[in-house]
Amino acid sequence: MKTMNKALGVAGAVAAYAGANALARNWYLHWGAMPEEQKAALPGDEFAPRISSTRAVTIHAPVEKVWPWLVQIGQDRGGFYSYDLLEQAIGAGIHNADRIVPEWQQLEVGDTVRLASKRVYGDKPLLRVLALERNHYLVLEHWGAFVLHRVDRETTRLIIRTHADPRTRAGKVAEMMLLDLMHFVMERKMMLGIKERAEQGGDH
């Protein structure tokens, strides 16, 4: 009886989580993005087998102040401005920068951005730069497009559109139940990290 009650309890918890996740899913897949941004064609769409999410945040700084923080992302560069403790817990070896570093400002199509520690993960987490336009967009293979839209001289919209591969049935379940939510938690923090740094204006 105890085993059955425990199983029923676990099943109930899973069902409750699945229901709450289904209700919140549209919100976290499109966090911060206006309907027109969600539907808009963006740089990098041509590289996307499938679009997984479109998120956005307003940054009270000109695009020229936002771009340097964006272009220096990478495990062996400026980090990803997300949750350090979680990144360290999985051995990613990421240290988030609080300054703009001149030698990290050079990035071109064909270059790679490292997602996690080479010592731990080898060269598997290398993301190739598919497209780039200074002060406008950066498109990374296996991640998606980071797009800066100039609202006015002192305001920028940062939009991140996540690309994804076609899904198997098991992959679809995994995404819906856990992976998409995990990605949202880290990506939202990244967007807020870029926003905070650009608005503070610190560049050294």
Protein backbone atom coordinates (compact mmCIF):
# COMPACT_ATOMS: atom_id res chain seq x y z
CA MET A 1 0.00 0.00 0.00
CA LYS A 2 2.80 2.40 0.89
CA THR A 3 4.50 1.70 -2.44
CA MET A 4 1.26 2.35 -4.31
CA ASN A 5 0.62 5.58 -2.41
CA LYS A 6 4.15 6.72 -3.15
CA ALA A 7 3.71 5.92 -6.84
CA LEU A 8 0.43 7.79 -6.92
CA GLY A 9 2.06 10.74 -5.21
CA VAL A 10 4.88 10.83 -7.74
CA ALA A 11 2.42 10.52 -10.62
CA GLY A 12 0.34 13.35 -9.16
CA ALA A 13 3.39 15.57 -8.79
CA VAL A 14 4.45 14.90 -12.38
CA ALA A 15 0.95 15.63 -13.63
CA ALA A 16 0.80 18.87 -11.64
CA TYR A 17 4.20 19.95 -12.97
CA ALA A 18 3.19 19.09 -16.54
CA GLY A 19 -0.01 21.11 -16.18
CA ALA A 20 1.75 24.15 -14.71
CA ASN A 21 4.47 23.93 -17.34
CA ALA A 22 1.88 23.80 -20.14
CA LEU A 23 0.20 26.93 -18.80
CA ALA A 24 3.50 28.81 -18.47
CA ARG A 25 5.10 27.54 -21.67
CA ASN A 26 3.98 30.31 -24.02
CA TRP A 27 5.12 32.92 -21.48
CA TYR A 28 8.64 31.60 -21.06
CA LEU A 29 9.14 30.81 -24.75
CA HIS A 30 8.27 34.43 -25.62
CA TRP A 31 9.39 36.22 -22.45
CA GLY A 32 9.55 39.97 -23.03
CA ALA A 33 8.87 39.75 -26.77
CA MET A 34 6.02 41.75 -28.28
CA PRO A 35 3.69 39.91 -30.68
CA GLU A 36 5.19 41.69 -33.67
CA GLU A 37 8.70 40.67 -32.57
CA GLN A 38 7.62 37.06 -32.20
CA LYS A 39 6.27 37.04 -35.77
CA ALA A 40 8.94 39.20 -37.41
CA ALA A 41 11.56 37.84 -39.77
CA LEU A 42 14.96 38.21 -38.11
CA PRO A 43 18.55 37.83 -39.28
CA GLY A 44 19.52 34.18 -39.02
CA ASP A 45 16.07 32.74 -39.72
CA GLU A 46 17.51 31.23 -42.89
CA PHE A 47 19.77 29.03 -40.76
CA ALA A 48 17.03 27.76 -38.44
CA PRO A 49 15.72 24.21 -39.00
CA ARG A 50 13.10 25.17 -36.42
CA ILE A 51 12.47 28.24 -34.23
CA SER A 52 12.13 27.29 -30.59
CA SER A 53 11.69 30.64 -28.84
CA THR A 54 11.85 34.41 -29.28
CA ARG A 55 12.63 36.53 -26.20
CA ALA A 56 13.40 40.20 -25.78
CA VAL A 57 14.37 42.87 -23.28
CA THR A 58 14.61 46.66 -23.43
CA ILE A 59 18.03 48.09 -22.63
CA HIS A 60 18.35 51.77 -21.80
CA ALA A 61 21.60 52.23 -23.66
CA PRO A 62 22.49 52.77 -27.33
CA VAL A 63 23.31 49.75 -29.48
CA GLU A 64 26.96 50.83 -29.54
CA LYS A 65 27.10 50.31 -25.77
CA VAL A 66 25.32 46.95 -25.89
CA TRP A 67 27.22 45.33 -28.75
CA PRO A 68 30.64 45.11 -26.99
CA TRP A 69 29.10 43.02 -24.20
CA LEU A 70 27.35 40.74 -26.68
CA VAL A 71 30.24 40.17 -29.05
CA GLN A 72 32.63 39.05 -26.30
CA ILE A 73 30.45 36.16 -25.07
CA GLY A 74 32.09 32.76 -24.74
CA GLN A 75 33.47 30.46 -22.07
CA ASP A 76 37.06 31.53 -22.74
CA ARG A 77 36.04 35.15 -23.30
CA GLY A 78 33.50 37.26 -21.38
CA GLY A 79 31.27 34.39 -20.27
CA PHE A 80 27.50 34.42 -20.70
CA TYR A 81 26.48 36.78 -17.85
CA SER A 82 24.20 34.13 -16.39
CA TYR A 83 24.23 32.07 -13.16
CA ASP A 84 27.89 31.43 -12.26
CA LEU A 85 27.13 28.79 -9.63
CA LEU A 86 25.03 26.69 -11.98
CA GLU A 87 27.63 26.98 -14.74
CA GLN A 88 30.41 25.95 -12.36
CA ALA A 89 28.34 23.06 -11.02
CA ILE A 90 28.40 21.36 -14.44
CA GLY A 91 32.11 22.04 -14.96
CA ALA A 92 31.53 24.67 -17.67
CA GLY A 93 34.44 26.78 -16.40
CA ILE A 94 32.68 30.05 -17.16
CA HIS A 95 33.67 33.32 -15.52
CA ASN A 96 31.45 36.27 -16.37
CA ALA A 97 33.19 39.53 -17.18
CA ASP A 98 32.20 42.89 -15.75
CA ARG A 99 34.30 44.86 -18.19
CA ILE A 100 34.79 45.12 -21.92
CA VAL A 101 38.06 43.52 -23.03
CA PRO A 102 39.48 44.87 -26.33
CA GLU A 103 41.00 41.54 -27.42
CA TRP A 104 37.57 39.89 -27.16
CA GLN A 105 35.93 42.38 -29.50
CA GLN A 106 37.09 40.71 -32.70
CA LEU A 107 34.70 38.10 -34.06
CA GLU A 108 34.02 37.10 -37.65
CA VAL A 109 31.88 34.68 -39.62
CA GLY A 110 33.48 31.24 -39.39
CA ASP A 111 34.96 31.85 -35.93
CA THR A 112 33.70 29.77 -33.02
CA VAL A 113 32.34 30.65 -29.61
CA ARG A 114 33.08 28.16 -26.85
CA LEU A 115 30.10 27.14 -24.75
CA ALA A 116 31.96 25.25 -22.00
CA SER A 117 35.40 24.22 -20.77
CA LYS A 118 37.70 22.54 -23.28
CA ARG A 119 39.36 20.61 -20.45
CA VAL A 120 36.05 19.03 -19.42
CA TYR A 121 34.09 18.86 -22.68
CA GLY A 122 36.72 18.97 -25.42
CA ASP A 123 35.68 20.73 -28.64
CA LYS A 124 32.05 19.53 -28.68
CA PRO A 125 30.63 22.80 -27.28
CA LEU A 126 31.96 25.02 -30.07
CA LEU A 127 29.35 27.24 -31.73
CA ARG A 128 30.24 28.50 -35.20
CA VAL A 129 29.47 32.10 -36.13
CA LEU A 130 27.08 31.86 -39.08
CA ALA A 131 26.39 35.57 -39.59
CA LEU A 132 27.44 38.80 -37.97
CA GLU A 133 26.87 42.51 -38.48
CA ARG A 134 28.48 44.88 -36.02
CA ASN A 135 25.99 46.63 -33.71
CA HIS A 136 23.14 44.63 -35.23
CA TYR A 137 23.25 40.83 -34.99
CA LEU A 138 25.25 37.74 -34.15
CA VAL A 139 24.04 34.31 -35.28
CA LEU A 140 25.52 31.20 -33.65
CA GLU A 141 25.06 27.69 -35.00
CA HIS A 142 23.16 25.44 -32.57
CA TRP A 143 21.97 28.43 -30.54
CA GLY A 144 20.34 31.10 -32.66
CA ALA A 145 20.26 34.83 -33.36
CA PHE A 146 21.12 37.69 -31.02
CA VAL A 147 19.63 40.81 -32.57
CA LEU A 148 19.94 44.44 -31.49
CA HIS A 149 17.20 46.82 -32.66
CA ARG A 150 17.75 50.54 -32.20
CA VAL A 151 14.63 52.08 -30.65
CA ASP A 152 16.19 55.54 -30.37
CA ARG A 153 19.62 56.99 -29.61
CA GLU A 154 19.50 55.80 -26.00
CA THR A 155 17.36 52.67 -26.17
CA THR A 156 17.92 49.19 -27.61
CA ARG A 157 15.82 46.06 -27.89
CA LEU A 158 17.82 42.86 -27.48
CA ILE A 159 16.01 39.94 -29.12
CA ILE A 160 17.23 36.36 -28.89
CA ARG A 161 15.65 33.87 -31.23
CA THR A 162 16.58 30.28 -30.40
CA HIS A 163 17.06 27.82 -33.23
CA ALA A 164 16.53 24.09 -32.77
CA ASP A 165 16.89 20.87 -34.73
CA PRO A 166 13.88 18.80 -35.80
CA ARG A 167 12.59 16.77 -32.85
CA THR A 168 11.99 13.10 -32.28
CA ARG A 169 8.97 12.18 -30.14
CA ALA A 170 11.23 11.62 -27.12
CA GLY A 171 13.04 14.88 -27.80
CA LYS A 172 9.76 16.75 -27.92
CA VAL A 173 8.77 15.41 -24.52
CA ALA A 174 12.17 16.25 -23.04
CA GLU A 175 12.00 19.80 -24.40
CA MET A 176 8.48 20.41 -23.18
CA MET A 177 9.04 18.94 -19.72
CA LEU A 178 12.49 20.28 -18.87
CA LEU A 179 14.98 21.48 -21.48
CA ASP A 180 13.10 24.54 -22.74
CA LEU A 181 12.49 25.73 -19.19
CA MET A 182 16.14 25.25 -18.22
CA HIS A 183 17.22 27.18 -21.30
CA PHE A 184 14.81 29.99 -20.42
CA VAL A 185 16.19 30.31 -16.88
CA MET A 186 19.78 30.68 -18.11
CA GLU A 187 18.99 32.80 -21.18
CA ARG A 188 16.77 35.23 -19.26
CA LYS A 189 19.57 35.78 -16.76
CA MET A 190 21.99 36.33 -19.64
CA MET A 191 19.74 38.97 -21.19
CA LEU A 192 19.36 40.75 -17.86
CA GLY A 193 23.13 40.48 -17.33
CA ILE A 194 23.81 42.23 -20.65
CA LYS A 195 21.15 44.82 -19.84
CA GLU A 196 22.64 45.58 -16.42
CA ARG A 197 26.19 45.90 -17.72
CA ALA A 198 25.27 48.08 -20.71
CA GLU A 199 23.07 50.38 -18.63
CA GLN A 200 25.78 50.83 -16.00
CA GLY A 201 28.04 52.01 -18.77
CA GLY A 202 31.14 50.33 -17.40
CA ASP A 203 33.58 49.55 -20.17
CA HIS A 204 36.84 49.02 -18.36
